N, C-alpha and C. Protein backbone atom coordinates (compact mmCIF):
# COMPACT_ATOMS: atom_id res chain seq x y z
N MET A 1 -14.75 -30.58 -14.22
CA MET A 1 -13.77 -31.62 -14.38
C MET A 1 -13.25 -32.29 -12.53
N ASP A 2 -13.23 -33.67 -12.55
CA ASP A 2 -13.48 -34.08 -11.60
C ASP A 2 -11.97 -34.09 -11.05
N GLN A 3 -11.55 -34.64 -9.66
CA GLN A 3 -10.51 -34.42 -9.56
C GLN A 3 -9.22 -35.18 -10.29
N VAL A 4 -9.93 -36.71 -10.22
CA VAL A 4 -9.12 -37.62 -10.97
C VAL A 4 -9.00 -37.19 -12.52
N SER A 5 -9.68 -36.56 -13.51
CA SER A 5 -9.38 -36.07 -14.57
C SER A 5 -8.71 -35.51 -14.20
N LYS A 6 -8.37 -34.19 -13.39
CA LYS A 6 -7.80 -33.00 -13.43
C LYS A 6 -6.24 -33.67 -13.21
N LEU A 7 -5.93 -35.03 -12.46
CA LEU A 7 -4.90 -35.35 -12.28
C LEU A 7 -3.69 -36.14 -13.29
N ALA A 8 -5.14 -36.67 -14.02
CA ALA A 8 -4.79 -37.51 -15.22
C ALA A 8 -4.03 -36.52 -16.55
N LYS A 9 -5.14 -35.03 -16.39
CA LYS A 9 -4.72 -34.16 -16.84
C LYS A 9 -2.93 -34.09 -16.66
N PHE A 10 -3.14 -33.48 -15.32
CA PHE A 10 -1.35 -32.99 -15.15
C PHE A 10 -0.39 -33.67 -15.46
N ARG A 11 -0.90 -35.25 -15.29
CA ARG A 11 0.49 -36.44 -15.64
C ARG A 11 0.88 -36.06 -17.26
N ALA A 12 -0.41 -35.94 -18.07
CA ALA A 12 0.01 -35.74 -19.59
C ALA A 12 1.01 -34.55 -19.52
N TYR A 13 0.44 -33.69 -18.59
CA TYR A 13 1.02 -32.15 -19.22
C TYR A 13 2.94 -32.65 -18.60
N TRP A 14 2.38 -32.97 -17.21
CA TRP A 14 3.83 -33.39 -16.56
C TRP A 14 4.90 -34.56 -17.51
N LYS A 15 4.41 -35.59 -18.16
CA LYS A 15 5.46 -36.53 -19.22
C LYS A 15 5.78 -35.56 -20.11
N LYS A 16 5.42 -34.30 -20.61
CA LYS A 16 5.93 -33.85 -21.36
C LYS A 16 7.04 -33.03 -20.84
N MET A 17 7.34 -32.53 -19.62
CA MET A 17 8.26 -31.36 -19.42
C MET A 17 9.42 -32.52 -18.87
N GLN A 18 9.28 -34.31 -19.09
CA GLN A 18 10.38 -34.75 -18.32
C GLN A 18 11.53 -34.75 -19.22
N GLY A 19 11.11 -34.24 -20.60
CA GLY A 19 12.67 -34.30 -21.61
C GLY A 19 13.55 -33.01 -21.27
N PHE A 20 13.07 -33.05 -19.87
CA PHE A 20 13.99 -31.73 -19.60
C PHE A 20 15.21 -32.59 -18.74
N ASP A 21 16.33 -31.70 -18.60
CA ASP A 21 18.00 -32.55 -18.22
C ASP A 21 17.36 -32.08 -16.13
N SER A 22 16.03 -31.43 -15.96
CA SER A 22 15.96 -31.25 -14.46
C SER A 22 14.95 -30.41 -14.61
N ILE A 23 14.84 -30.03 -13.35
CA ILE A 23 13.43 -29.59 -12.86
C ILE A 23 13.44 -27.70 -12.90
N ARG A 24 13.28 -27.23 -13.84
CA ARG A 24 13.36 -25.33 -13.44
C ARG A 24 12.65 -25.17 -13.40
N THR A 25 12.60 -23.60 -12.40
CA THR A 25 11.56 -22.61 -12.23
C THR A 25 10.39 -22.57 -13.58
N GLN A 26 11.16 -22.43 -14.85
CA GLN A 26 10.01 -22.31 -15.56
C GLN A 26 9.03 -23.44 -16.06
N SER A 27 9.40 -24.97 -15.37
CA SER A 27 8.47 -25.79 -15.51
C SER A 27 6.89 -25.60 -14.44
N VAL A 28 7.82 -25.16 -12.30
CA VAL A 28 6.60 -24.68 -12.15
C VAL A 28 5.77 -23.30 -12.33
N LYS A 29 6.33 -22.47 -12.90
CA LYS A 29 5.79 -21.22 -13.37
C LYS A 29 4.83 -21.80 -14.81
N SER A 30 5.29 -22.31 -15.74
CA SER A 30 4.26 -22.95 -16.53
C SER A 30 2.98 -24.49 -16.25
N LEU A 31 3.51 -24.90 -15.31
CA LEU A 31 2.20 -25.43 -14.49
C LEU A 31 1.33 -24.84 -13.77
N LEU A 32 1.75 -24.01 -13.05
CA LEU A 32 0.79 -23.09 -11.97
C LEU A 32 -0.16 -22.24 -12.89
N LYS A 33 0.79 -21.61 -13.96
CA LYS A 33 0.12 -20.23 -14.97
C LYS A 33 -0.65 -20.82 -15.95
N ASP A 34 0.25 -21.77 -16.94
CA ASP A 34 -0.16 -21.35 -18.39
C ASP A 34 -1.52 -22.71 -17.81
N ASN A 35 -1.74 -23.38 -16.63
CA ASN A 35 -2.99 -24.61 -16.63
C ASN A 35 -3.47 -23.78 -15.61
N ALA A 36 -4.04 -22.73 -15.65
CA ALA A 36 -4.85 -21.93 -14.12
C ALA A 36 -5.99 -22.33 -14.19
N GLY A 37 -6.60 -22.59 -15.44
CA GLY A 37 -8.35 -23.05 -15.35
C GLY A 37 -8.09 -24.57 -14.93
N LEU A 38 -6.99 -25.33 -14.93
CA LEU A 38 -7.12 -26.40 -14.41
C LEU A 38 -7.33 -26.78 -12.88
N TRP A 39 -6.76 -25.33 -12.25
CA TRP A 39 -6.26 -25.64 -10.83
C TRP A 39 -6.77 -24.27 -10.03
N ARG A 40 -7.73 -23.26 -10.91
CA ARG A 40 -8.13 -22.38 -10.15
C ARG A 40 -9.22 -22.87 -9.31
N GLY A 41 -9.34 -22.18 -7.85
CA GLY A 41 -10.77 -22.26 -7.22
C GLY A 41 -10.42 -23.13 -5.93
N SER A 42 -9.13 -24.07 -6.25
CA SER A 42 -8.88 -25.09 -5.33
C SER A 42 -7.54 -25.27 -5.00
N PHE A 43 -6.92 -25.03 -3.66
CA PHE A 43 -5.74 -24.88 -3.09
C PHE A 43 -5.26 -26.34 -3.03
N ARG A 44 -6.48 -27.41 -2.88
CA ARG A 44 -6.09 -28.64 -3.03
C ARG A 44 -5.39 -28.91 -3.92
N SER A 45 -5.71 -28.76 -5.24
CA SER A 45 -5.50 -29.02 -6.51
C SER A 45 -3.96 -28.45 -6.86
N ILE A 46 -3.69 -27.35 -6.24
CA ILE A 46 -2.42 -26.47 -6.33
C ILE A 46 -1.24 -27.54 -5.49
N CYS A 47 -1.73 -28.16 -4.03
CA CYS A 47 -1.25 -28.88 -3.70
C CYS A 47 -0.59 -29.80 -4.20
N ILE A 48 -1.55 -30.61 -5.00
CA ILE A 48 -1.45 -31.70 -5.28
C ILE A 48 -0.11 -31.75 -6.65
N ALA A 49 -0.57 -30.72 -7.42
CA ALA A 49 0.62 -30.27 -8.40
C ALA A 49 2.04 -30.64 -7.94
N LEU A 50 2.09 -29.52 -6.67
CA LEU A 50 3.65 -29.30 -6.33
C LEU A 50 4.06 -30.25 -5.78
N LEU A 51 3.40 -31.20 -4.83
CA LEU A 51 3.64 -32.44 -4.59
C LEU A 51 4.40 -33.29 -5.42
N VAL A 52 3.46 -33.57 -6.79
CA VAL A 52 3.76 -34.63 -7.68
C VAL A 52 5.56 -33.68 -8.56
N VAL A 53 5.21 -32.49 -8.64
CA VAL A 53 6.52 -31.74 -8.95
C VAL A 53 7.94 -32.00 -8.06
N MET A 54 7.85 -32.26 -7.01
CA MET A 54 8.54 -32.53 -5.90
C MET A 54 9.03 -34.16 -6.10
N ALA A 55 8.11 -35.34 -6.28
CA ALA A 55 8.42 -36.44 -7.07
C ALA A 55 9.13 -36.33 -8.55
N SER A 56 8.34 -35.66 -9.45
CA SER A 56 9.38 -36.19 -10.67
C SER A 56 10.93 -35.51 -10.20
N ALA A 57 10.92 -34.37 -9.21
CA ALA A 57 12.52 -33.63 -9.53
C ALA A 57 13.40 -34.84 -8.48
N SER A 58 12.67 -35.61 -7.86
CA SER A 58 13.34 -36.52 -7.21
C SER A 58 13.90 -37.82 -8.66
N LEU A 59 12.92 -38.42 -9.07
CA LEU A 59 12.88 -39.20 -10.14
C LEU A 59 13.50 -38.71 -11.34
N LEU A 60 13.82 -37.39 -11.60
CA LEU A 60 15.03 -37.21 -12.36
C LEU A 60 16.38 -36.84 -11.89
N GLY A 61 16.18 -37.05 -10.42
CA GLY A 61 18.09 -36.76 -9.99
C GLY A 61 18.14 -35.90 -9.40
N GLU A 62 17.17 -34.61 -9.48
CA GLU A 62 17.52 -33.65 -8.65
C GLU A 62 17.65 -33.52 -7.24
N GLN A 63 18.20 -32.65 -7.14
CA GLN A 63 18.87 -32.59 -5.77
C GLN A 63 17.68 -31.95 -4.89
N PRO A 64 17.32 -32.16 -3.44
CA PRO A 64 16.29 -32.25 -2.72
C PRO A 64 15.78 -30.93 -2.57
N ARG A 65 17.04 -29.84 -1.80
CA ARG A 65 16.87 -29.16 -1.43
C ARG A 65 16.26 -27.90 -2.58
N ALA A 66 16.93 -28.31 -4.06
CA ALA A 66 16.60 -27.36 -5.08
C ALA A 66 14.62 -27.35 -5.15
N GLY A 67 14.62 -28.40 -5.17
CA GLY A 67 12.78 -28.98 -5.46
C GLY A 67 11.75 -28.44 -4.30
N GLU A 68 12.79 -28.69 -3.14
CA GLU A 68 12.13 -28.27 -1.96
C GLU A 68 12.44 -26.39 -1.77
N SER A 69 13.07 -26.01 -2.36
CA SER A 69 12.90 -24.16 -2.53
C SER A 69 11.70 -23.90 -3.29
N GLU A 70 11.43 -24.45 -4.55
CA GLU A 70 11.19 -24.14 -5.73
C GLU A 70 9.83 -24.20 -5.17
N VAL A 71 9.27 -25.42 -4.93
CA VAL A 71 7.97 -25.68 -4.05
C VAL A 71 7.49 -24.48 -3.15
N LYS A 72 8.52 -24.20 -2.00
CA LYS A 72 8.00 -23.52 -0.91
C LYS A 72 7.89 -22.34 -1.62
N ALA A 73 8.67 -21.34 -2.97
CA ALA A 73 8.31 -20.25 -3.68
C ALA A 73 7.12 -20.17 -4.34
N ALA A 74 6.43 -21.13 -5.05
CA ALA A 74 5.48 -21.42 -5.65
C ALA A 74 4.27 -21.24 -4.76
N PHE A 75 4.44 -22.20 -3.25
CA PHE A 75 2.98 -21.77 -2.44
C PHE A 75 3.50 -20.22 -1.69
N LEU A 76 4.65 -19.49 -1.82
CA LEU A 76 3.92 -18.16 -1.01
C LEU A 76 3.61 -17.28 -2.33
N TYR A 77 3.54 -17.73 -3.92
CA TYR A 77 2.73 -16.43 -4.92
C TYR A 77 1.39 -17.48 -4.45
N ASN A 78 1.13 -18.69 -4.27
CA ASN A 78 -0.27 -19.06 -4.25
C ASN A 78 -1.04 -18.56 -2.84
N PHE A 79 -0.07 -18.39 -2.00
CA PHE A 79 -0.60 -17.99 -0.46
C PHE A 79 -1.90 -16.73 -0.75
N GLY A 80 -1.20 -15.77 -1.78
CA GLY A 80 -1.70 -14.39 -2.12
C GLY A 80 -3.40 -14.90 -3.01
N LYS A 81 -3.07 -15.59 -3.31
CA LYS A 81 -4.68 -15.68 -3.77
C LYS A 81 -5.58 -16.53 -2.92
N PHE A 82 -5.43 -17.10 -1.48
CA PHE A 82 -5.95 -17.52 -0.64
C PHE A 82 -6.55 -16.97 0.83
N VAL A 83 -5.82 -15.63 0.81
CA VAL A 83 -5.57 -14.87 2.04
C VAL A 83 -6.17 -13.57 1.52
N LYS A 84 -7.09 -12.80 2.24
CA LYS A 84 -7.59 -11.57 2.19
C LYS A 84 -7.20 -10.88 3.49
N TRP A 85 -6.46 -9.50 2.74
CA TRP A 85 -6.52 -8.44 3.62
C TRP A 85 -7.29 -7.50 3.85
N PRO A 86 -7.57 -6.51 4.86
CA PRO A 86 -8.39 -5.45 5.17
C PRO A 86 -8.24 -4.36 4.34
N SER A 87 -9.31 -3.70 3.66
CA SER A 87 -9.24 -2.77 2.70
C SER A 87 -8.51 -1.48 3.25
N SER A 88 -8.28 -1.40 4.61
CA SER A 88 -7.39 -0.10 4.84
C SER A 88 -5.66 -0.55 4.48
N SER A 89 -5.41 -1.83 3.97
CA SER A 89 -4.04 -2.32 3.70
C SER A 89 -3.73 -1.31 2.55
N VAL A 90 -3.44 -0.46 2.50
CA VAL A 90 -3.32 -0.04 0.49
C VAL A 90 -1.97 0.36 0.21
N GLN A 91 -1.46 -0.20 -0.68
CA GLN A 91 -0.44 -0.32 -1.47
C GLN A 91 -0.42 -0.60 -2.67
N SER A 92 0.55 -0.24 -3.60
CA SER A 92 0.42 0.24 -5.15
C SER A 92 0.40 -1.04 -5.53
N THR A 93 1.44 -1.75 -4.69
CA THR A 93 2.01 -3.27 -5.53
C THR A 93 1.70 -4.43 -4.33
N PHE A 94 1.98 -5.54 -4.81
CA PHE A 94 1.53 -7.33 -3.72
C PHE A 94 2.80 -7.40 -3.48
N ALA A 95 3.27 -6.85 -2.08
CA ALA A 95 4.92 -6.83 -1.67
C ALA A 95 4.75 -8.49 -1.36
N ILE A 96 5.82 -9.46 -1.82
CA ILE A 96 6.32 -10.80 -1.21
C ILE A 96 8.12 -10.44 -0.83
N CYS A 97 7.57 -10.10 0.26
CA CYS A 97 9.22 -10.13 0.80
C CYS A 97 10.52 -11.14 1.53
N ILE A 98 11.32 -11.37 1.76
CA ILE A 98 11.91 -12.35 2.21
C ILE A 98 13.32 -10.98 3.21
N LEU A 99 12.71 -11.82 4.68
CA LEU A 99 13.65 -11.46 5.65
C LEU A 99 14.94 -11.82 5.80
N GLY A 100 16.00 -11.85 5.82
CA GLY A 100 17.23 -12.71 6.24
C GLY A 100 17.61 -13.15 5.05
N ARG A 101 18.43 -14.43 5.08
CA ARG A 101 19.30 -15.15 4.05
C ARG A 101 18.07 -15.58 2.97
N ASP A 102 18.36 -15.19 2.04
CA ASP A 102 17.41 -15.47 0.87
C ASP A 102 17.54 -17.06 0.29
N PRO A 103 16.67 -17.93 0.40
CA PRO A 103 16.85 -19.56 0.27
C PRO A 103 16.08 -19.59 -1.41
N PHE A 104 16.03 -18.87 -2.01
CA PHE A 104 15.12 -18.87 -3.09
C PHE A 104 16.19 -18.33 -4.54
N GLY A 105 16.57 -17.66 -4.28
CA GLY A 105 17.72 -17.25 -5.52
C GLY A 105 16.77 -16.58 -6.25
N ALA A 106 16.66 -16.98 -7.84
CA ALA A 106 16.07 -16.01 -8.50
C ALA A 106 14.79 -16.89 -8.94
N GLN A 107 14.48 -18.07 -7.94
CA GLN A 107 12.96 -18.61 -8.15
C GLN A 107 12.27 -17.81 -8.10
N LEU A 108 12.17 -17.34 -7.06
CA LEU A 108 10.75 -16.54 -6.31
C LEU A 108 10.25 -15.34 -7.58
N ASP A 109 11.69 -14.17 -8.08
CA ASP A 109 11.30 -13.45 -8.92
C ASP A 109 10.97 -14.43 -10.37
N SER A 110 11.28 -15.32 -10.58
CA SER A 110 10.46 -16.18 -12.09
C SER A 110 9.39 -16.32 -11.94
N ILE A 111 8.71 -16.86 -10.76
CA ILE A 111 7.71 -17.34 -10.49
C ILE A 111 6.65 -16.43 -10.51
N VAL A 112 6.80 -15.59 -10.20
CA VAL A 112 6.07 -14.28 -9.95
C VAL A 112 5.83 -13.00 -10.97
N ALA A 113 7.02 -13.22 -11.86
CA ALA A 113 7.13 -12.15 -12.98
C ALA A 113 5.94 -12.01 -13.64
N GLY A 114 5.63 -10.86 -13.90
CA GLY A 114 3.88 -10.37 -14.70
C GLY A 114 3.16 -10.69 -14.35
N GLU A 115 2.82 -11.38 -13.19
CA GLU A 115 1.42 -12.11 -12.25
C GLU A 115 0.92 -10.36 -11.31
N SER A 116 -0.29 -11.07 -10.72
CA SER A 116 -0.75 -9.94 -9.75
C SER A 116 -1.55 -10.77 -9.22
N VAL A 117 -2.05 -9.58 -7.84
CA VAL A 117 -3.08 -10.22 -7.01
C VAL A 117 -3.80 -9.67 -6.62
N ASP A 118 -4.93 -9.69 -6.51
CA ASP A 118 -6.05 -8.25 -6.10
C ASP A 118 -5.94 -7.08 -7.61
N ALA A 119 -5.18 -7.31 -8.32
CA ALA A 119 -5.27 -6.27 -9.46
C ALA A 119 -3.71 -5.74 -9.41
N LYS A 120 -3.19 -5.94 -8.67
CA LYS A 120 -2.16 -5.18 -8.24
C LYS A 120 -0.45 -6.70 -8.36
N PRO A 121 0.65 -5.50 -9.29
CA PRO A 121 1.32 -6.38 -9.79
C PRO A 121 2.22 -6.85 -8.30
N ILE A 122 2.61 -7.86 -9.11
CA ILE A 122 3.37 -9.16 -7.32
C ILE A 122 4.82 -7.93 -7.70
N SER A 123 5.62 -7.53 -6.42
CA SER A 123 6.81 -7.28 -5.90
C SER A 123 8.06 -8.17 -5.65
N VAL A 124 8.99 -8.77 -5.90
CA VAL A 124 9.72 -9.43 -4.66
C VAL A 124 10.51 -8.33 -4.52
N ARG A 125 10.69 -8.59 -2.81
CA ARG A 125 11.56 -7.52 -2.03
C ARG A 125 12.56 -8.13 -0.97
N ARG A 126 13.61 -8.20 -0.72
CA ARG A 126 14.63 -8.53 0.03
C ARG A 126 14.49 -7.21 1.29
N VAL A 127 14.22 -7.31 2.68
CA VAL A 127 13.80 -6.36 3.49
C VAL A 127 15.08 -7.03 4.40
N THR A 128 15.11 -6.09 5.54
CA THR A 128 16.59 -5.95 6.67
C THR A 128 15.45 -6.00 7.96
N ASN A 129 14.83 -5.04 7.98
CA ASN A 129 14.42 -4.62 9.18
C ASN A 129 12.71 -4.96 9.30
N VAL A 130 11.99 -4.37 10.76
CA VAL A 130 10.87 -4.51 10.79
C VAL A 130 9.96 -3.68 9.95
N GLN A 131 10.57 -2.59 10.27
CA GLN A 131 9.56 -1.02 9.74
C GLN A 131 9.73 -1.61 8.14
N GLU A 132 10.22 -1.85 7.25
CA GLU A 132 10.39 -2.35 6.02
C GLU A 132 9.71 -3.86 5.82
N ALA A 133 9.31 -4.86 6.64
CA ALA A 133 8.81 -6.11 6.43
C ALA A 133 7.22 -5.77 6.72
N ALA A 134 7.17 -4.53 7.80
CA ALA A 134 5.61 -4.04 7.44
C ALA A 134 4.89 -3.33 6.67
N THR A 135 5.19 -2.99 5.38
CA THR A 135 5.11 -2.48 4.22
C THR A 135 4.49 -4.06 3.20
N CYS A 136 4.97 -4.90 3.63
CA CYS A 136 4.46 -6.28 2.94
C CYS A 136 3.60 -7.03 2.77
N ARG A 137 2.86 -7.80 2.33
CA ARG A 137 1.98 -8.56 2.20
C ARG A 137 1.78 -9.66 2.81
N ILE A 138 3.09 -10.29 2.42
CA ILE A 138 3.34 -11.64 2.42
C ILE A 138 5.40 -11.85 2.92
N LEU A 139 5.23 -11.99 4.21
CA LEU A 139 6.83 -11.86 4.36
C LEU A 139 7.36 -13.49 4.89
N PHE A 140 8.27 -13.86 4.40
CA PHE A 140 9.26 -14.82 4.38
C PHE A 140 10.09 -14.74 5.39
N ILE A 141 10.33 -15.11 6.36
CA ILE A 141 11.51 -14.86 7.54
C ILE A 141 12.32 -16.58 7.61
N SER A 142 13.56 -16.17 6.70
CA SER A 142 14.36 -16.93 6.88
C SER A 142 15.09 -17.67 8.07
N SER A 143 15.57 -18.96 7.91
CA SER A 143 15.63 -19.48 9.25
C SER A 143 17.11 -18.70 9.98
N SER A 144 17.48 -18.07 9.48
CA SER A 144 18.83 -17.06 9.28
C SER A 144 18.39 -16.46 10.50
N GLU A 145 16.96 -15.97 10.61
CA GLU A 145 16.30 -15.11 12.07
C GLU A 145 15.73 -15.96 13.11
N GLN A 146 16.00 -16.64 13.43
CA GLN A 146 15.29 -17.60 14.40
C GLN A 146 15.56 -17.29 15.65
N SER A 147 16.98 -16.87 15.50
CA SER A 147 17.57 -15.80 16.94
C SER A 147 16.53 -14.67 17.55
N ARG A 148 16.04 -14.00 16.38
CA ARG A 148 15.29 -12.80 16.37
C ARG A 148 14.25 -12.83 16.51
N LEU A 149 13.27 -14.59 16.31
CA LEU A 149 12.03 -14.63 16.73
C LEU A 149 10.78 -13.80 17.51
N HIS A 150 11.83 -13.81 18.70
CA HIS A 150 11.29 -13.20 20.08
C HIS A 150 11.09 -11.79 19.97
N ALA A 151 11.50 -11.25 18.99
CA ALA A 151 11.31 -9.71 18.85
C ALA A 151 10.54 -9.58 17.46
N LEU A 152 10.61 -9.89 16.20
CA LEU A 152 10.34 -10.05 15.21
C LEU A 152 9.06 -10.14 15.18
N LEU A 153 8.34 -11.30 15.40
CA LEU A 153 6.74 -11.77 15.49
C LEU A 153 6.12 -10.81 16.50
N PRO A 154 6.42 -10.09 17.68
CA PRO A 154 5.31 -9.23 18.38
C PRO A 154 5.24 -7.93 17.70
N ALA A 155 6.69 -7.36 17.07
CA ALA A 155 6.74 -6.03 16.62
C ALA A 155 5.70 -6.34 15.14
N LEU A 156 5.59 -7.48 14.36
CA LEU A 156 4.30 -7.35 13.37
C LEU A 156 3.36 -8.32 13.83
N SER A 157 2.63 -8.47 14.89
CA SER A 157 1.41 -8.95 15.44
C SER A 157 0.47 -8.32 14.93
N LYS A 158 0.35 -6.70 14.95
CA LYS A 158 -1.04 -6.03 14.51
C LYS A 158 -1.03 -5.57 13.03
N ALA A 159 0.29 -5.84 12.20
CA ALA A 159 0.21 -5.38 11.04
C ALA A 159 -0.21 -6.12 9.94
N PRO A 160 -0.93 -5.92 9.00
CA PRO A 160 -1.77 -6.77 7.88
C PRO A 160 -0.47 -7.35 7.11
N VAL A 161 0.25 -8.46 7.73
CA VAL A 161 1.68 -9.28 7.13
C VAL A 161 1.35 -10.55 7.32
N LEU A 162 1.07 -11.35 6.09
CA LEU A 162 0.91 -12.73 6.70
C LEU A 162 2.33 -13.10 6.37
N THR A 163 2.73 -13.86 7.83
CA THR A 163 4.45 -14.06 7.82
C THR A 163 4.19 -15.68 7.84
N VAL A 164 5.48 -16.31 6.77
CA VAL A 164 5.52 -17.52 6.72
C VAL A 164 6.85 -17.81 6.70
N SER A 165 7.21 -18.85 7.54
CA SER A 165 8.47 -19.34 7.78
C SER A 165 8.97 -21.01 7.48
N ASP A 166 10.12 -21.26 7.63
CA ASP A 166 10.00 -23.08 8.08
C ASP A 166 10.78 -22.77 8.89
N ILE A 167 11.19 -21.95 9.92
CA ILE A 167 11.45 -22.22 11.17
C ILE A 167 11.00 -23.62 12.14
N PRO A 168 10.99 -24.09 12.81
CA PRO A 168 10.71 -24.90 14.00
C PRO A 168 9.71 -24.48 14.58
N GLN A 169 8.78 -25.03 14.68
CA GLN A 169 7.39 -24.01 15.79
C GLN A 169 7.62 -22.49 15.71
N PHE A 170 7.30 -22.17 14.65
CA PHE A 170 6.99 -21.36 14.36
C PHE A 170 5.68 -20.34 14.46
N ILE A 171 4.89 -21.21 14.17
CA ILE A 171 3.41 -21.05 14.57
C ILE A 171 2.99 -20.65 16.06
N GLU A 172 3.60 -21.69 16.50
CA GLU A 172 4.00 -22.01 18.30
C GLU A 172 4.47 -20.40 18.63
N HIS A 173 5.62 -19.95 18.21
CA HIS A 173 5.56 -18.42 18.64
C HIS A 173 5.00 -17.33 17.81
N GLY A 174 3.97 -17.61 17.19
CA GLY A 174 3.29 -16.64 16.53
C GLY A 174 2.81 -16.66 15.27
N GLY A 175 4.06 -16.95 14.82
CA GLY A 175 4.06 -16.55 12.86
C GLY A 175 2.34 -17.51 12.54
N MET A 176 2.65 -17.23 11.35
CA MET A 176 1.07 -17.30 10.77
C MET A 176 0.93 -18.60 9.90
N ILE A 177 2.34 -18.77 8.75
CA ILE A 177 2.03 -20.36 7.97
C ILE A 177 3.64 -20.90 8.38
N GLN A 178 3.66 -21.89 8.55
CA GLN A 178 4.91 -22.94 8.80
C GLN A 178 4.92 -24.05 7.74
N PHE A 179 6.11 -23.82 6.67
CA PHE A 179 6.03 -25.09 5.80
C PHE A 179 6.43 -26.56 7.00
N VAL A 180 6.59 -27.07 6.74
CA VAL A 180 7.29 -28.66 7.70
C VAL A 180 7.12 -29.56 6.26
N LEU A 181 8.25 -30.59 6.53
CA LEU A 181 8.34 -31.50 5.46
C LEU A 181 7.90 -32.82 6.18
N GLU A 182 7.21 -33.47 5.27
CA GLU A 182 6.38 -34.79 5.83
C GLU A 182 6.69 -36.04 4.76
N GLN A 183 7.26 -37.27 5.16
CA GLN A 183 7.88 -37.79 3.85
C GLN A 183 8.31 -37.20 3.06
N GLY A 184 8.79 -36.18 2.56
CA GLY A 184 9.81 -35.70 2.01
C GLY A 184 9.34 -34.60 0.72
N ARG A 185 7.82 -34.22 1.47
CA ARG A 185 6.92 -33.13 0.74
C ARG A 185 6.77 -32.21 1.71
N VAL A 186 6.94 -31.01 0.45
CA VAL A 186 6.42 -29.94 1.73
C VAL A 186 5.21 -29.48 1.56
N ARG A 187 4.85 -29.43 2.98
CA ARG A 187 3.43 -29.21 3.78
C ARG A 187 3.47 -28.03 4.61
N PHE A 188 2.31 -27.32 5.11
CA PHE A 188 2.15 -26.27 5.89
C PHE A 188 1.04 -26.38 7.24
N GLU A 189 1.66 -25.69 7.95
CA GLU A 189 0.35 -25.58 9.17
C GLU A 189 0.17 -24.18 9.46
N VAL A 190 -0.85 -23.93 9.90
CA VAL A 190 -1.46 -22.53 9.91
C VAL A 190 -2.06 -21.97 11.78
N ASN A 191 -1.42 -20.71 11.61
CA ASN A 191 -1.57 -20.59 12.94
C ASN A 191 -3.23 -19.39 12.99
N LEU A 192 -4.20 -19.88 12.73
CA LEU A 192 -5.11 -18.98 12.31
C LEU A 192 -5.88 -17.99 13.61
N GLY A 193 -4.98 -17.75 14.45
CA GLY A 193 -5.38 -17.11 15.48
C GLY A 193 -4.33 -15.89 15.35
N SER A 194 -3.37 -16.06 14.89
CA SER A 194 -2.51 -15.02 14.53
C SER A 194 -2.89 -14.25 13.41
N ALA A 195 -3.08 -14.51 12.24
CA ALA A 195 -3.66 -14.30 11.27
C ALA A 195 -5.07 -13.19 11.44
N GLU A 196 -5.82 -13.98 12.07
CA GLU A 196 -7.08 -13.02 12.80
C GLU A 196 -7.12 -11.72 13.44
N ASN A 197 -5.71 -12.08 13.73
CA ASN A 197 -5.67 -10.96 15.31
C ASN A 197 -5.01 -9.93 14.24
N SER A 198 -4.18 -10.29 12.67
CA SER A 198 -4.01 -8.82 12.49
C SER A 198 -4.66 -8.67 11.20
N GLY A 199 -6.08 -9.08 11.10
CA GLY A 199 -7.35 -8.54 10.45
C GLY A 199 -6.97 -9.47 9.12
N LEU A 200 -6.05 -10.44 9.25
CA LEU A 200 -6.32 -11.70 7.62
C LEU A 200 -7.44 -12.18 7.71
N SER A 201 -8.14 -12.92 6.54
CA SER A 201 -8.76 -13.73 6.25
C SER A 201 -8.33 -14.68 5.40
N MET A 202 -8.60 -16.11 5.91
CA MET A 202 -8.06 -17.06 4.94
C MET A 202 -9.06 -18.31 4.64
N SER A 203 -8.61 -18.10 3.76
CA SER A 203 -9.79 -18.71 2.71
C SER A 203 -9.97 -20.40 3.82
N SER A 204 -11.45 -20.96 3.32
CA SER A 204 -11.47 -22.41 4.40
C SER A 204 -10.37 -23.27 2.79
N GLU A 205 -10.36 -23.17 1.72
CA GLU A 205 -9.91 -24.26 0.89
C GLU A 205 -8.19 -24.03 1.50
N LEU A 206 -7.78 -23.32 1.77
CA LEU A 206 -6.25 -23.02 2.24
C LEU A 206 -6.00 -23.87 3.44
N LEU A 207 -6.97 -23.67 4.73
CA LEU A 207 -7.11 -24.25 5.83
C LEU A 207 -7.39 -25.81 5.28
N LYS A 208 -8.32 -26.24 4.99
CA LYS A 208 -8.47 -27.42 4.36
C LYS A 208 -6.90 -28.64 4.05
N VAL A 209 -6.16 -27.80 3.32
CA VAL A 209 -5.11 -28.98 3.68
C VAL A 209 -3.74 -28.60 4.28
N ALA A 210 -4.11 -27.40 5.07
CA ALA A 210 -3.19 -27.58 5.89
C ALA A 210 -2.86 -28.31 7.11
N THR A 211 -1.78 -29.68 7.51
CA THR A 211 -1.46 -30.04 8.39
C THR A 211 -1.68 -30.05 9.78
N GLN A 212 -2.09 -29.14 10.18
CA GLN A 212 -1.98 -28.18 11.24
C GLN A 212 -3.27 -26.99 11.36
N VAL A 213 -4.09 -26.54 11.93
CA VAL A 213 -4.49 -25.55 11.88
C VAL A 213 -5.18 -25.06 13.93
N LYS A 214 -3.93 -24.37 14.24
CA LYS A 214 -4.10 -23.97 15.46
C LYS A 214 -5.13 -22.56 16.01
N ARG A 215 -5.93 -22.43 16.15
CA ARG A 215 -7.10 -21.52 16.58
C ARG A 215 -6.55 -20.18 16.99
N GLY A 216 -5.58 -20.73 18.30
CA GLY A 216 -5.49 -19.64 19.22
C GLY A 216 -3.91 -19.54 19.41
N ARG A 217 -3.73 -18.65 19.94
CA ARG A 217 -2.15 -18.47 20.08
C ARG A 217 -1.71 -19.33 21.79
N ASP A 218 -2.44 -19.78 22.19
CA ASP A 218 -2.14 -20.41 23.33
C ASP A 218 -2.43 -22.33 23.05
């Protein structure tokens, strides 16, 4: 199925969703999972889907911040499919963690409920310190932790943890993925050097749709 056909199929799917009063987490979950065959293997297709979710949320009068946090939560879930962790990183679950004030509420928990990555069930954890964070696969660092970045990121630099945040200049400080807003749309920048230094390998599909790929730490 070519990209035009995929987008047309998605629009038909989304038209059915417009009977709702607002965009709910369940709609994003249905979009990304019930139509898994439509989006499988292409991070670009996932991005298109999420951008349309945000646009539709705006058309339906949804508050922008609500749509934004929901899309970021969906991205966190999908990052796990396009990043490889070292084989030495052995855990019974695939932990997506939040450090600091939680901007997602129940949205992230709902999106990942019953899902798995690399045959490991996904769990969502709220952590409070570096020691707990080092046991995660994906770590979202909340904006509430901005003043602590100078200590947090160096402490995690050798741990196989994908660090993600929406803190300004996050990748310049050594973070791996930074959410940014462009014309009201959630996009992301990547610090590939930081990821590789921690033993992580990012798919070319993910790098293609990043708005910036920083190859080193300088």
